N, C-alpha and C. Protein backbone atom coordinates (compact mmCIF):
# COMPACT_ATOMS: atom_id res chain seq x y z
N MET A 1 2.85 -22.65 -22.34
CA MET A 1 2.59 -22.13 -21.02
C MET A 1 1.71 -23.11 -20.26
N SER A 2 1.98 -23.24 -19.01
CA SER A 2 1.16 -24.13 -18.19
C SER A 2 -0.11 -23.40 -17.75
N GLN A 3 -1.07 -24.17 -17.30
CA GLN A 3 -2.36 -23.61 -16.87
C GLN A 3 -2.15 -22.68 -15.67
N GLN A 4 -1.25 -23.03 -14.77
CA GLN A 4 -1.01 -22.21 -13.58
C GLN A 4 -0.42 -20.86 -13.98
N GLN A 5 0.49 -20.82 -14.93
CA GLN A 5 1.07 -19.56 -15.38
C GLN A 5 0.01 -18.67 -16.02
N ILE A 6 -0.87 -19.25 -16.80
CA ILE A 6 -1.93 -18.50 -17.46
C ILE A 6 -2.87 -17.91 -16.41
N THR A 7 -3.24 -18.72 -15.40
CA THR A 7 -4.12 -18.26 -14.33
C THR A 7 -3.47 -17.14 -13.55
N THR A 8 -2.20 -17.25 -13.24
CA THR A 8 -1.48 -16.22 -12.50
C THR A 8 -1.41 -14.93 -13.32
N GLN A 9 -1.17 -15.05 -14.61
CA GLN A 9 -1.10 -13.87 -15.47
C GLN A 9 -2.46 -13.19 -15.57
N ASP A 10 -3.53 -13.97 -15.70
CA ASP A 10 -4.88 -13.41 -15.74
C ASP A 10 -5.21 -12.70 -14.44
N SER A 11 -4.81 -13.28 -13.32
CA SER A 11 -5.06 -12.68 -12.02
C SER A 11 -4.31 -11.37 -11.88
N THR A 12 -3.07 -11.33 -12.35
CA THR A 12 -2.27 -10.11 -12.29
C THR A 12 -2.90 -9.01 -13.14
N ASN A 13 -3.34 -9.35 -14.35
CA ASN A 13 -3.99 -8.37 -15.23
C ASN A 13 -5.28 -7.85 -14.60
N SER A 14 -6.03 -8.74 -13.96
CA SER A 14 -7.28 -8.35 -13.30
C SER A 14 -6.99 -7.39 -12.14
N ASN A 15 -5.97 -7.68 -11.35
CA ASN A 15 -5.61 -6.82 -10.23
C ASN A 15 -5.16 -5.45 -10.71
N GLN A 16 -4.42 -5.40 -11.82
CA GLN A 16 -3.97 -4.12 -12.35
C GLN A 16 -5.15 -3.31 -12.86
N ALA A 17 -6.10 -3.96 -13.50
CA ALA A 17 -7.29 -3.26 -13.99
C ALA A 17 -8.11 -2.71 -12.82
N GLU A 18 -8.25 -3.49 -11.76
CA GLU A 18 -9.00 -3.04 -10.59
C GLU A 18 -8.31 -1.85 -9.93
N MET A 19 -6.98 -1.89 -9.84
CA MET A 19 -6.24 -0.79 -9.23
C MET A 19 -6.36 0.47 -10.08
N SER A 20 -6.31 0.32 -11.39
CA SER A 20 -6.46 1.48 -12.27
C SER A 20 -7.83 2.11 -12.11
N ALA A 21 -8.86 1.28 -12.06
CA ALA A 21 -10.21 1.79 -11.88
C ALA A 21 -10.37 2.48 -10.52
N LEU A 22 -9.78 1.91 -9.49
CA LEU A 22 -9.85 2.51 -8.16
C LEU A 22 -9.17 3.87 -8.14
N LEU A 23 -7.99 3.96 -8.73
CA LEU A 23 -7.27 5.24 -8.76
C LEU A 23 -8.01 6.28 -9.58
N LEU A 24 -8.58 5.88 -10.69
CA LEU A 24 -9.34 6.81 -11.52
C LEU A 24 -10.58 7.31 -10.78
N GLY A 25 -11.28 6.42 -10.14
CA GLY A 25 -12.45 6.81 -9.36
C GLY A 25 -12.09 7.73 -8.21
N ALA A 26 -10.99 7.44 -7.53
CA ALA A 26 -10.54 8.30 -6.43
C ALA A 26 -10.14 9.68 -6.95
N GLY A 27 -9.53 9.71 -8.12
CA GLY A 27 -9.16 11.00 -8.72
C GLY A 27 -10.38 11.84 -9.05
N PHE A 28 -11.42 11.20 -9.62
CA PHE A 28 -12.65 11.92 -9.91
C PHE A 28 -13.31 12.42 -8.63
N ALA A 29 -13.31 11.60 -7.60
CA ALA A 29 -13.91 12.01 -6.33
C ALA A 29 -13.16 13.18 -5.73
N LEU A 30 -11.84 13.12 -5.75
CA LEU A 30 -11.02 14.23 -5.24
C LEU A 30 -11.31 15.50 -6.02
N ALA A 31 -11.38 15.38 -7.32
CA ALA A 31 -11.64 16.55 -8.16
C ALA A 31 -13.01 17.14 -7.87
N SER A 32 -14.02 16.30 -7.70
CA SER A 32 -15.37 16.82 -7.51
C SER A 32 -15.60 17.37 -6.12
N LEU A 33 -14.95 16.82 -5.11
CA LEU A 33 -15.19 17.26 -3.74
C LEU A 33 -14.27 18.38 -3.27
N ILE A 34 -13.07 18.47 -3.82
CA ILE A 34 -12.10 19.45 -3.33
C ILE A 34 -11.68 20.44 -4.40
N LEU A 35 -11.21 19.94 -5.52
CA LEU A 35 -10.65 20.81 -6.53
C LEU A 35 -11.69 21.66 -7.25
N LEU A 36 -12.78 21.05 -7.66
CA LEU A 36 -13.81 21.79 -8.40
C LEU A 36 -14.40 22.95 -7.60
N PRO A 37 -14.82 22.75 -6.35
CA PRO A 37 -15.35 23.89 -5.59
C PRO A 37 -14.31 25.00 -5.37
N ALA A 38 -13.06 24.63 -5.18
CA ALA A 38 -12.02 25.64 -4.98
C ALA A 38 -11.82 26.48 -6.24
N VAL A 39 -11.76 25.81 -7.38
CA VAL A 39 -11.59 26.54 -8.65
C VAL A 39 -12.83 27.37 -8.95
N ALA A 40 -14.00 26.80 -8.70
CA ALA A 40 -15.24 27.52 -8.96
C ALA A 40 -15.34 28.79 -8.12
N GLN A 41 -14.93 28.71 -6.88
CA GLN A 41 -14.95 29.88 -6.01
C GLN A 41 -13.95 30.92 -6.49
N ARG A 42 -12.81 30.45 -6.92
CA ARG A 42 -11.75 31.36 -7.37
C ARG A 42 -12.16 32.15 -8.61
N ILE A 43 -12.86 31.49 -9.55
CA ILE A 43 -13.24 32.18 -10.78
C ILE A 43 -14.64 32.78 -10.71
N GLY A 44 -15.35 32.57 -9.60
CA GLY A 44 -16.65 33.17 -9.41
C GLY A 44 -17.79 32.45 -10.10
N MET A 45 -17.65 31.16 -10.26
CA MET A 45 -18.69 30.35 -10.89
C MET A 45 -19.89 30.22 -9.94
N GLY A 46 -21.09 30.20 -10.49
CA GLY A 46 -22.29 30.07 -9.67
C GLY A 46 -22.37 28.73 -8.97
N SER A 47 -23.07 28.71 -7.85
CA SER A 47 -23.15 27.49 -7.05
C SER A 47 -23.93 26.39 -7.77
N SER A 48 -24.97 26.74 -8.52
CA SER A 48 -25.75 25.71 -9.20
C SER A 48 -24.93 25.04 -10.29
N LEU A 49 -24.10 25.81 -10.99
CA LEU A 49 -23.23 25.22 -12.00
C LEU A 49 -22.15 24.35 -11.36
N THR A 50 -21.64 24.77 -10.22
CA THR A 50 -20.66 23.98 -9.49
C THR A 50 -21.25 22.65 -9.05
N ILE A 51 -22.48 22.69 -8.56
CA ILE A 51 -23.14 21.45 -8.13
C ILE A 51 -23.39 20.52 -9.31
N ALA A 52 -23.77 21.08 -10.44
CA ALA A 52 -24.00 20.27 -11.64
C ALA A 52 -22.69 19.61 -12.11
N LEU A 53 -21.60 20.35 -12.10
CA LEU A 53 -20.31 19.79 -12.49
C LEU A 53 -19.86 18.72 -11.50
N ARG A 54 -20.10 18.96 -10.22
CA ARG A 54 -19.75 17.98 -9.20
C ARG A 54 -20.53 16.68 -9.42
N GLY A 55 -21.80 16.80 -9.73
CA GLY A 55 -22.63 15.62 -10.01
C GLY A 55 -22.13 14.86 -11.22
N ALA A 56 -21.74 15.59 -12.26
CA ALA A 56 -21.23 14.93 -13.46
C ALA A 56 -19.93 14.18 -13.17
N LEU A 57 -19.04 14.78 -12.38
CA LEU A 57 -17.79 14.11 -12.03
C LEU A 57 -18.04 12.88 -11.17
N MET A 58 -18.98 12.96 -10.24
CA MET A 58 -19.27 11.82 -9.38
C MET A 58 -19.90 10.68 -10.19
N ARG A 59 -20.75 11.01 -11.17
CA ARG A 59 -21.31 9.97 -12.03
C ARG A 59 -20.20 9.31 -12.86
N ALA A 60 -19.26 10.12 -13.34
CA ALA A 60 -18.14 9.56 -14.10
C ALA A 60 -17.29 8.67 -13.22
N ALA A 61 -17.08 9.06 -11.97
CA ALA A 61 -16.29 8.24 -11.05
C ALA A 61 -17.00 6.93 -10.75
N ASN A 62 -18.31 6.95 -10.71
CA ASN A 62 -19.07 5.75 -10.40
C ASN A 62 -19.05 4.73 -11.53
N ARG A 63 -18.79 5.18 -12.75
CA ARG A 63 -18.74 4.27 -13.90
C ARG A 63 -17.50 3.40 -13.91
N PHE A 64 -16.46 3.85 -13.28
CA PHE A 64 -15.20 3.10 -13.29
C PHE A 64 -15.06 2.32 -12.07
């Protein structure tokens, strides 16, 4: 393999990893801001527990 092919392949792998991380982070954000409060309200979960779960999801989203 030539050096240019290796560089292009590394760049493609890096872009795919960045896109995966972005999508995962966006999914966590969507879950914590929209889905979690809706489900919590539906099942009657307390607001303090909902806020704690939202914080945990946002911290998880920030790691990726």
